[in-house]
Amino acid sequence: MKTVKILGSGCANCRKLEAVAREAAAAAGVDAEFVKVTDLAAIMAYDVLSTPGLVIDDRLVSSGRIPTKAEIQAWLG
């Protein structure tokens, strides 16, 4: 099982990123646990300069933008 973390305050872009990530995981048939991280200190621990951020299995893969479904599927693979 993959652990997918959405880093951000809960803004519209953070919600959109979570929706795209869930869709990508479902389309790829990947079993994933989704965690929302809103604590600023926890977000800064990943050296994120801008949100939303996407972390897969404790590795920051994207920040400051909403990646495509295809990009997320590649990272989940």
C-alpha atoms as a PDB file:
ATOM      1  CA  MET A   1       0.000   0.000   0.000  1.00  0.00           C
ATOM      2  CA  LYS A   2       1.236   3.445  -0.954  1.00  0.00           C
ATOM      3  CA  THR A   3       0.992   6.413   1.379  1.00  0.00           C
ATOM      4  CA  VAL A   4      -0.005   9.615  -0.393  1.00  0.00           C
ATOM      5  CA  LYS A   5       0.177  12.903   1.495  1.00  0.00           C
ATOM      6  CA  ILE A   6      -1.414  16.123   0.343  1.00  0.00           C
ATOM      7  CA  LEU A   7       0.465  19.079   1.845  1.00  0.00           C
ATOM      8  CA  GLY A   8      -1.410  22.341   2.215  1.00  0.00           C
ATOM      9  CA  SER A   9      -3.855  24.474   4.125  1.00  0.00           C
ATOM     10  CA  GLY A  10      -6.951  22.915   2.592  1.00  0.00           C
ATOM     11  CA  CYS A  11      -7.346  25.506  -0.159  1.00  0.00           C
ATOM     12  CA  ALA A  12      -9.112  24.839  -3.458  1.00  0.00           C
ATOM     13  CA  ASN A  13      -5.867  23.731  -5.142  1.00  0.00           C
ATOM     14  CA  CYS A  14      -5.164  21.295  -2.294  1.00  0.00           C
ATOM     15  CA  ARG A  15      -8.618  19.752  -2.697  1.00  0.00           C
ATOM     16  CA  LYS A  16      -8.149  19.562  -6.484  1.00  0.00           C
ATOM     17  CA  LEU A  17      -4.771  17.844  -6.048  1.00  0.00           C
ATOM     18  CA  GLU A  18      -6.312  15.289  -3.705  1.00  0.00           C
ATOM     19  CA  ALA A  19      -9.110  14.582  -6.204  1.00  0.00           C
ATOM     20  CA  VAL A  20      -6.651  14.105  -9.095  1.00  0.00           C
ATOM     21  CA  ALA A  21      -4.385  11.892  -6.950  1.00  0.00           C
ATOM     22  CA  ARG A  22      -7.310   9.701  -5.851  1.00  0.00           C
ATOM     23  CA  GLU A  23      -8.455   9.395  -9.463  1.00  0.00           C
ATOM     24  CA  ALA A  24      -4.924   8.479 -10.595  1.00  0.00           C
ATOM     25  CA  ALA A  25      -4.563   5.806  -7.908  1.00  0.00           C
ATOM     26  CA  ALA A  26      -7.950   4.292  -8.748  1.00  0.00           C
ATOM     27  CA  ALA A  27      -7.213   4.289 -12.493  1.00  0.00           C
ATOM     28  CA  ALA A  28      -3.838   2.629 -11.894  1.00  0.00           C
ATOM     29  CA  GLY A  29      -5.325   0.048  -9.534  1.00  0.00           C
ATOM     30  CA  VAL A  30      -2.988   1.185  -6.746  1.00  0.00           C
ATOM     31  CA  ASP A  31      -4.078   0.665  -3.153  1.00  0.00           C
ATOM     32  CA  ALA A  32      -3.254   3.961  -1.429  1.00  0.00           C
ATOM     33  CA  GLU A  33      -3.862   5.624   1.900  1.00  0.00           C
ATOM     34  CA  PHE A  34      -4.469   9.372   1.588  1.00  0.00           C
ATOM     35  CA  VAL A  35      -3.396  11.747   4.356  1.00  0.00           C
ATOM     36  CA  LYS A  36      -4.018  15.494   4.490  1.00  0.00           C
ATOM     37  CA  VAL A  37      -1.177  17.404   6.131  1.00  0.00           C
ATOM     38  CA  THR A  38      -2.196  20.913   7.188  1.00  0.00           C
ATOM     39  CA  ASP A  39       0.295  21.542  10.017  1.00  0.00           C
ATOM     40  CA  LEU A  40       2.792  24.146   8.820  1.00  0.00           C
ATOM     41  CA  ALA A  41       5.738  22.607  10.700  1.00  0.00           C
ATOM     42  CA  ALA A  42       5.000  19.183   9.168  1.00  0.00           C
ATOM     43  CA  ILE A  43       4.736  20.720   5.692  1.00  0.00           C
ATOM     44  CA  MET A  44       8.025  22.597   6.121  1.00  0.00           C
ATOM     45  CA  ALA A  45       9.741  19.329   7.089  1.00  0.00           C
ATOM     46  CA  TYR A  46       9.453  18.385   3.387  1.00  0.00           C
ATOM     47  CA  ASP A  47      11.160  21.621   2.239  1.00  0.00           C
ATOM     48  CA  VAL A  48       8.033  22.703   0.376  1.00  0.00           C
ATOM     49  CA  LEU A  49       8.321  26.270  -0.888  1.00  0.00           C
ATOM     50  CA  SER A  50       4.731  26.506  -2.109  1.00  0.00           C
ATOM     51  CA  THR A  51       1.607  24.415  -1.748  1.00  0.00           C
ATOM     52  CA  PRO A  52      -0.045  22.219  -2.707  1.00  0.00           C
ATOM     53  CA  GLY A  53       2.554  19.536  -2.225  1.00  0.00           C
ATOM     54  CA  LEU A  54       2.345  15.852  -3.057  1.00  0.00           C
ATOM     55  CA  VAL A  55       4.330  13.247  -1.137  1.00  0.00           C
ATOM     56  CA  ILE A  56       4.316   9.570  -2.106  1.00  0.00           C
ATOM     57  CA  ASP A  57       5.880   7.139   0.358  1.00  0.00           C
ATOM     58  CA  ASP A  58       7.680  10.005   2.159  1.00  0.00           C
ATOM     59  CA  ARG A  59       9.203  11.397  -1.061  1.00  0.00           C
ATOM     60  CA  LEU A  60       8.184  14.874  -2.231  1.00  0.00           C
ATOM     61  CA  VAL A  61       7.277  14.514  -5.906  1.00  0.00           C
ATOM     62  CA  SER A  62       5.518  17.813  -6.606  1.00  0.00           C
ATOM     63  CA  SER A  63       4.968  21.238  -5.060  1.00  0.00           C
ATOM     64  CA  GLY A  64       3.353  24.484  -6.102  1.00  0.00           C
ATOM     65  CA  ARG A  65       1.248  22.968  -8.879  1.00  0.00           C
ATOM     66  CA  ILE A  66      -1.325  20.313  -9.660  1.00  0.00           C
ATOM     67  CA  PRO A  67       0.348  17.537 -11.661  1.00  0.00           C
ATOM     68  CA  THR A  68      -1.551  15.603 -14.298  1.00  0.00           C
ATOM     69  CA  LYS A  69      -3.217  12.289 -13.618  1.00  0.00           C
ATOM     70  CA  ALA A  70      -0.628  10.609 -15.868  1.00  0.00           C
ATOM     71  CA  GLU A  71       2.280  12.120 -13.893  1.00  0.00           C
ATOM     72  CA  ILE A  72       0.812  10.911 -10.616  1.00  0.00           C
ATOM     73  CA  GLN A  73       0.224   7.425 -12.029  1.00  0.00           C
ATOM     74  CA  ALA A  74       3.893   7.263 -13.063  1.00  0.00           C
ATOM     75  CA  TRP A  75       5.000   8.268  -9.556  1.00  0.00           C
ATOM     76  CA  LEU A  76       2.679   5.675  -8.009  1.00  0.00           C
ATOM     77  CA  GLY A  77       4.073   2.943 -10.249  1.00  0.00           C
END
